[in-house]
C-alpha atoms as a PDB file:
ATOM      1  CA  MET A   1     150.057 282.613 129.132  1.00  0.00           C
ATOM      2  CA  PRO A   2     148.748 285.475 127.012  1.00  0.00           C
ATOM      3  CA  ASP A   3     150.925 286.953 124.292  1.00  0.00           C
ATOM      4  CA  VAL A   4     149.520 290.400 125.008  1.00  0.00           C
ATOM      5  CA  THR A   5     147.229 291.821 127.705  1.00  0.00           C
ATOM      6  CA  MET A   6     144.967 294.854 127.358  1.00  0.00           C
ATOM      7  CA  THR A   7     144.236 296.810 130.490  1.00  0.00           C
ATOM      8  CA  ASP A   8     142.585 300.042 131.526  1.00  0.00           C
ATOM      9  CA  ILE A   9     144.126 302.384 134.073  1.00  0.00           C
ATOM     10  CA  TYR A  10     141.355 302.436 136.676  1.00  0.00           C
ATOM     11  CA  MET A  11     139.666 299.148 137.542  1.00  0.00           C
ATOM     12  CA  PRO A  12     137.790 297.897 140.627  1.00  0.00           C
ATOM     13  CA  GLU A  13     140.499 295.710 142.237  1.00  0.00           C
ATOM     14  CA  LYS A  14     143.733 297.474 141.206  1.00  0.00           C
ATOM     15  CA  ASN A  15     144.932 299.949 138.647  1.00  0.00           C
ATOM     16  CA  GLY A  16     146.409 298.908 135.314  1.00  0.00           C
ATOM     17  CA  PHE A  17     149.971 299.794 136.269  1.00  0.00           C
ATOM     18  CA  GLU A  18     149.786 297.551 139.342  1.00  0.00           C
ATOM     19  CA  LEU A  19     148.387 294.765 137.152  1.00  0.00           C
ATOM     20  CA  ILE A  20     151.263 295.178 134.670  1.00  0.00           C
ATOM     21  CA  GLU A  21     153.877 295.103 137.418  1.00  0.00           C
ATOM     22  CA  GLU A  22     152.373 292.027 139.117  1.00  0.00           C
ATOM     23  CA  ALA A  23     151.915 290.122 135.861  1.00  0.00           C
ATOM     24  CA  ARG A  24     155.523 290.775 134.878  1.00  0.00           C
ATOM     25  CA  LEU A  25     156.865 289.767 138.297  1.00  0.00           C
ATOM     26  CA  GLU A  26     154.931 286.504 138.195  1.00  0.00           C
ATOM     27  CA  GLY A  27     155.966 285.796 134.601  1.00  0.00           C
ATOM     28  CA  LEU A  28     152.386 285.772 133.363  1.00  0.00           C
ATOM     29  CA  CYS A  29     152.755 288.248 130.497  1.00  0.00           C
ATOM     30  CA  ASP A  30     155.277 290.766 129.261  1.00  0.00           C
ATOM     31  CA  ARG A  31     153.372 292.685 126.558  1.00  0.00           C
ATOM     32  CA  PHE A  32     150.676 295.149 127.533  1.00  0.00           C
ATOM     33  CA  ILE A  33     148.414 297.609 125.780  1.00  0.00           C
ATOM     34  CA  VAL A  34     146.744 300.331 127.813  1.00  0.00           C
ATOM     35  CA  LEU A  35     143.230 301.088 126.569  1.00  0.00           C
ATOM     36  CA  THR A  36     141.748 303.990 128.480  1.00  0.00           C
ATOM     37  CA  GLY A  37     139.702 307.147 128.404  1.00  0.00           C
ATOM     38  CA  TYR A  38     142.398 309.159 130.192  1.00  0.00           C
ATOM     39  CA  ASP A  39     144.181 311.473 127.780  1.00  0.00           C
ATOM     40  CA  GLU A  40     146.680 312.785 130.329  1.00  0.00           C
ATOM     41  CA  PHE A  41     150.405 313.069 129.701  1.00  0.00           C
ATOM     42  CA  ALA A  42     151.305 311.790 133.186  1.00  0.00           C
ATOM     43  CA  TYR A  43     149.559 308.476 132.437  1.00  0.00           C
ATOM     44  CA  VAL A  44     151.147 308.208 129.001  1.00  0.00           C
ATOM     45  CA  ARG A  45     154.593 308.795 130.520  1.00  0.00           C
ATOM     46  CA  GLN A  46     153.943 306.191 133.229  1.00  0.00           C
ATOM     47  CA  ALA A  47     152.820 303.715 130.555  1.00  0.00           C
ATOM     48  CA  LEU A  48     155.960 304.361 128.516  1.00  0.00           C
ATOM     49  CA  ARG A  49     158.101 303.796 131.600  1.00  0.00           C
ATOM     50  CA  ALA A  50     156.218 300.550 132.223  1.00  0.00           C
ATOM     51  CA  GLY A  51     157.206 299.473 128.698  1.00  0.00           C
ATOM     52  CA  VAL A  52     153.728 299.036 127.240  1.00  0.00           C
ATOM     53  CA  VAL A  53     153.333 298.210 123.566  1.00  0.00           C
ATOM     54  CA  ASP A  54     150.896 301.090 123.043  1.00  0.00           C
ATOM     55  CA  TYR A  55     148.576 303.527 124.797  1.00  0.00           C
ATOM     56  CA  LEU A  56     145.163 303.717 123.118  1.00  0.00           C
ATOM     57  CA  LEU A  57     142.300 306.067 123.852  1.00  0.00           C
ATOM     58  CA  LYS A  58     138.631 305.175 123.951  1.00  0.00           C
ATOM     59  CA  PRO A  59     136.538 305.060 121.877  1.00  0.00           C
ATOM     60  CA  LEU A  60     138.514 302.385 120.108  1.00  0.00           C
ATOM     61  CA  ASP A  61     139.205 302.611 116.378  1.00  0.00           C
ATOM     62  CA  LYS A  62     138.809 299.060 115.026  1.00  0.00           C
ATOM     63  CA  GLU A  63     141.351 299.572 112.250  1.00  0.00           C
ATOM     64  CA  GLU A  64     143.900 300.976 114.685  1.00  0.00           C
ATOM     65  CA  ILE A  65     143.570 298.033 117.065  1.00  0.00           C
ATOM     66  CA  ALA A  66     143.646 295.526 114.178  1.00  0.00           C
ATOM     67  CA  ALA A  67     146.882 297.069 112.871  1.00  0.00           C
ATOM     68  CA  LEU A  68     148.396 297.100 116.359  1.00  0.00           C
ATOM     69  CA  LEU A  69     147.491 293.468 117.051  1.00  0.00           C
ATOM     70  CA  GLY A  70     148.847 292.530 113.624  1.00  0.00           C
ATOM     71  CA  ARG A  71     152.150 294.206 114.473  1.00  0.00           C
ATOM     72  CA  VAL A  72     152.273 292.439 117.844  1.00  0.00           C
ATOM     73  CA  ASN A  73     151.525 289.120 116.137  1.00  0.00           C
ATOM     74  CA  GLU A  74     154.399 289.631 113.679  1.00  0.00           C
ATOM     75  CA  GLU A  75     156.766 290.180 116.593  1.00  0.00           C
ATOM     76  CA  LEU A  76     155.694 287.003 118.429  1.00  0.00           C
ATOM     77  CA  PRO A  77     157.948 284.426 116.740  1.00  0.00           C
ATOM     78  CA  ALA A  78     160.918 286.590 117.703  1.00  0.00           C
ATOM     79  CA  ALA A  79     159.416 286.810 121.175  1.00  0.00           C
ATOM     80  CA  CYS A  80     160.148 283.121 121.785  1.00  0.00           C
ATOM     81  CA  ASP A  81     163.452 284.435 122.969  1.00  0.00           C
ATOM     82  CA  SER A  82     166.325 282.292 124.047  1.00  0.00           C
ATOM     83  CA  GLU A  83     165.379 282.615 127.722  1.00  0.00           C
ATOM     84  CA  TYR A  84     161.854 281.263 127.158  1.00  0.00           C
ATOM     85  CA  CYS A  85     163.134 278.458 124.940  1.00  0.00           C
ATOM     86  CA  LEU A  86     165.829 277.659 127.488  1.00  0.00           C
ATOM     87  CA  HIS A  87     163.226 277.403 130.268  1.00  0.00           C
ATOM     88  CA  ALA A  88     161.109 275.059 128.152  1.00  0.00           C
ATOM     89  CA  GLU A  89     164.076 272.887 127.248  1.00  0.00           C
ATOM     90  CA  ARG A  90     165.326 272.715 130.846  1.00  0.00           C
ATOM     91  CA  LEU A  91     161.875 271.782 132.190  1.00  0.00           C
ATOM     92  CA  LEU A  92     161.208 269.080 129.618  1.00  0.00           C
ATOM     93  CA  THR A  93     164.704 267.616 129.991  1.00  0.00           C
ATOM     94  CA  TYR A  94     164.393 267.617 133.771  1.00  0.00           C
ATOM     95  CA  MET A  95     161.068 265.801 133.559  1.00  0.00           C
ATOM     96  CA  GLN A  96     162.449 263.222 131.095  1.00  0.00           C
ATOM     97  CA  THR A  97     165.208 262.301 133.511  1.00  0.00           C
ATOM     98  CA  ASN A  98     163.277 262.673 136.789  1.00  0.00           C
ATOM     99  CA  TYR A  99     159.724 261.521 135.932  1.00  0.00           C
ATOM    100  CA  MET A 100     160.014 258.784 138.557  1.00  0.00           C
ATOM    101  CA  GLU A 101     160.501 261.341 141.354  1.00  0.00           C
ATOM    102  CA  ASP A 102     157.737 263.107 143.271  1.00  0.00           C
ATOM    103  CA  LEU A 103     157.233 265.990 140.823  1.00  0.00           C
ATOM    104  CA  SER A 104     154.897 268.939 141.212  1.00  0.00           C
ATOM    105  CA  LEU A 105     154.673 272.470 139.844  1.00  0.00           C
ATOM    106  CA  ASP A 106     155.974 273.774 143.163  1.00  0.00           C
ATOM    107  CA  HIS A 107     158.917 271.367 143.074  1.00  0.00           C
ATOM    108  CA  LEU A 108     159.807 272.452 139.533  1.00  0.00           C
ATOM    109  CA  ALA A 109     159.357 276.119 140.457  1.00  0.00           C
ATOM    110  CA  ASP A 110     161.820 275.756 143.343  1.00  0.00           C
ATOM    111  CA  ARG A 111     164.251 273.746 141.242  1.00  0.00           C
ATOM    112  CA  MET A 112     164.143 276.076 138.215  1.00  0.00           C
ATOM    113  CA  LYS A 113     163.691 279.336 140.151  1.00  0.00           C
ATOM    114  CA  LEU A 114     160.488 280.120 138.224  1.00  0.00           C
ATOM    115  CA  HIS A 115     156.903 280.849 139.258  1.00  0.00           C
ATOM    116  CA  PRO A 116     154.539 277.822 139.188  1.00  0.00           C
ATOM    117  CA  ASN A 117     152.035 279.760 137.038  1.00  0.00           C
ATOM    118  CA  TYR A 118     154.752 280.496 134.493  1.00  0.00           C
ATOM    119  CA  ILE A 119     155.711 276.826 134.377  1.00  0.00           C
ATOM    120  CA  SER A 120     152.084 275.815 133.931  1.00  0.00           C
ATOM    121  CA  SER A 121     151.636 278.291 131.072  1.00  0.00           C
ATOM    122  CA  LEU A 122     154.912 277.255 129.494  1.00  0.00           C
ATOM    123  CA  PHE A 123     153.859 273.594 129.547  1.00  0.00           C
ATOM    124  CA  LYS A 124     150.541 274.372 127.931  1.00  0.00           C
ATOM    125  CA  LYS A 125     152.189 276.480 125.244  1.00  0.00           C
ATOM    126  CA  GLU A 126     155.038 274.065 124.490  1.00  0.00           C
ATOM    127  CA  THR A 127     153.255 270.718 124.746  1.00  0.00           C
ATOM    128  CA  GLY A 128     149.590 271.600 124.252  1.00  0.00           C
ATOM    129  CA  ASP A 129     148.903 269.766 127.489  1.00  0.00           C
ATOM    130  CA  THR A 130     148.733 270.463 131.205  1.00  0.00           C
ATOM    131  CA  PHE A 131     151.650 269.649 133.485  1.00  0.00           C
ATOM    132  CA  VAL A 132     149.777 266.760 135.166  1.00  0.00           C
ATOM    133  CA  ASN A 133     148.647 265.195 131.870  1.00  0.00           C
ATOM    134  CA  TYR A 134     152.126 265.531 130.408  1.00  0.00           C
ATOM    135  CA  LEU A 135     153.710 263.917 133.472  1.00  0.00           C
ATOM    136  CA  ASN A 136     151.183 261.071 133.583  1.00  0.00           C
ATOM    137  CA  ALA A 137     151.547 260.364 129.848  1.00  0.00           C
ATOM    138  CA  LEU A 138     155.336 260.320 130.214  1.00  0.00           C
ATOM    139  CA  ARG A 139     155.159 257.949 133.172  1.00  0.00           C
ATOM    140  CA  ILE A 140     152.732 255.616 131.423  1.00  0.00           C
ATOM    141  CA  ARG A 141     154.927 255.470 128.281  1.00  0.00           C
ATOM    142  CA  GLU A 142     157.872 254.517 130.493  1.00  0.00           C
ATOM    143  CA  ALA A 143     155.737 251.932 132.318  1.00  0.00           C
ATOM    144  CA  GLN A 144     154.778 250.369 128.976  1.00  0.00           C
ATOM    145  CA  LYS A 145     158.480 250.088 128.062  1.00  0.00           C
ATOM    146  CA  LEU A 146     159.192 248.395 131.393  1.00  0.00           C
ATOM    147  CA  LEU A 147     156.283 245.974 130.942  1.00  0.00           C
ATOM    148  CA  ARG A 148     157.731 244.879 127.592  1.00  0.00           C
ATOM    149  CA  ALA A 149     161.382 244.830 128.678  1.00  0.00           C
ATOM    150  CA  GLN A 150     160.937 243.265 132.119  1.00  0.00           C
ATOM    151  CA  PRO A 151     157.747 241.168 132.170  1.00  0.00           C
ATOM    152  CA  HIS A 152     158.816 239.467 135.422  1.00  0.00           C
ATOM    153  CA  LEU A 153     158.293 242.721 137.403  1.00  0.00           C
ATOM    154  CA  THR A 154     155.069 243.094 139.378  1.00  0.00           C
ATOM    155  CA  VAL A 155     152.608 245.836 138.504  1.00  0.00           C
ATOM    156  CA  SER A 156     153.344 247.428 141.848  1.00  0.00           C
ATOM    157  CA  ALA A 157     157.119 247.472 141.151  1.00  0.00           C
ATOM    158  CA  ILE A 158     156.614 249.033 137.726  1.00  0.00           C
ATOM    159  CA  GLY A 159     154.324 251.666 139.216  1.00  0.00           C
ATOM    160  CA  GLU A 160     156.925 252.544 141.834  1.00  0.00           C
ATOM    161  CA  ARG A 161     159.717 252.744 139.234  1.00  0.00           C
ATOM    162  CA  VAL A 162     157.790 255.312 137.186  1.00  0.00           C
ATOM    163  CA  GLY A 163     156.775 257.481 140.132  1.00  0.00           C
ATOM    164  CA  TYR A 164     153.486 256.183 141.540  1.00  0.00           C
ATOM    165  CA  ASP A 165     153.220 255.562 145.277  1.00  0.00           C
ATOM    166  CA  THR A 166     150.426 252.993 145.176  1.00  0.00           C
ATOM    167  CA  LYS A 167     149.517 250.125 142.886  1.00  0.00           C
ATOM    168  CA  HIS A 168     145.878 251.234 142.912  1.00  0.00           C
ATOM    169  CA  TYR A 169     146.621 254.744 141.649  1.00  0.00           C
ATOM    170  CA  PHE A 170     149.084 253.468 139.056  1.00  0.00           C
ATOM    171  CA  THR A 171     146.582 250.968 137.615  1.00  0.00           C
ATOM    172  CA  LYS A 172     143.862 253.639 137.554  1.00  0.00           C
ATOM    173  CA  VAL A 173     146.072 256.097 135.639  1.00  0.00           C
ATOM    174  CA  PHE A 174     147.401 253.340 133.371  1.00  0.00           C
ATOM    175  CA  LYS A 175     143.883 252.337 132.371  1.00  0.00           C
ATOM    176  CA  LYS A 176     142.902 255.974 131.797  1.00  0.00           C
ATOM    177  CA  TYR A 177     145.838 256.607 129.444  1.00  0.00           C
ATOM    178  CA  THR A 178     146.002 253.255 127.636  1.00  0.00           C
ATOM    179  CA  GLY A 179     142.470 251.881 127.848  1.00  0.00           C
ATOM    180  CA  THR A 180     143.858 248.607 129.203  1.00  0.00           C
ATOM    181  CA  THR A 181     145.012 247.259 132.544  1.00  0.00           C
ATOM    182  CA  ALA A 182     148.689 246.839 133.382  1.00  0.00           C
END
């Protein structure tokens, strides 16, 4: 998920204001800079109403953009607002307690009332990993605990307890993440 997005006003697929509105609705980005050649008050007013960070005219002044991006960067730690942090905490907690269930981005999106793309971006930003890798790593760590704590369980039973439908898929993922067989 980008911290800031630069857009022009007129583009081939849609205009910049439509892009801003869509990106905000889908939770993809909430900071925008308009970079355009249109020096018209109506566009500036529309940009202000859309809540853009700034409205820059082409040709671009490198010092001006560097200062602007520096200012945006300084504001970013404060931008990890309580809502974002709450979403991250809720998602990670939910996964810790429900890793054995049939989890998907769509399932989490429905459960948390968030867009799947937002969840995917949030995972990448918070964990440095994709949703699928994070889930698999979590499941394999739990499987390793079960193997040590309950050695009498079959590989198939352990796989089922940590959320894998088939023994074959579980052993394949286990080997990928640990380098050994279960």
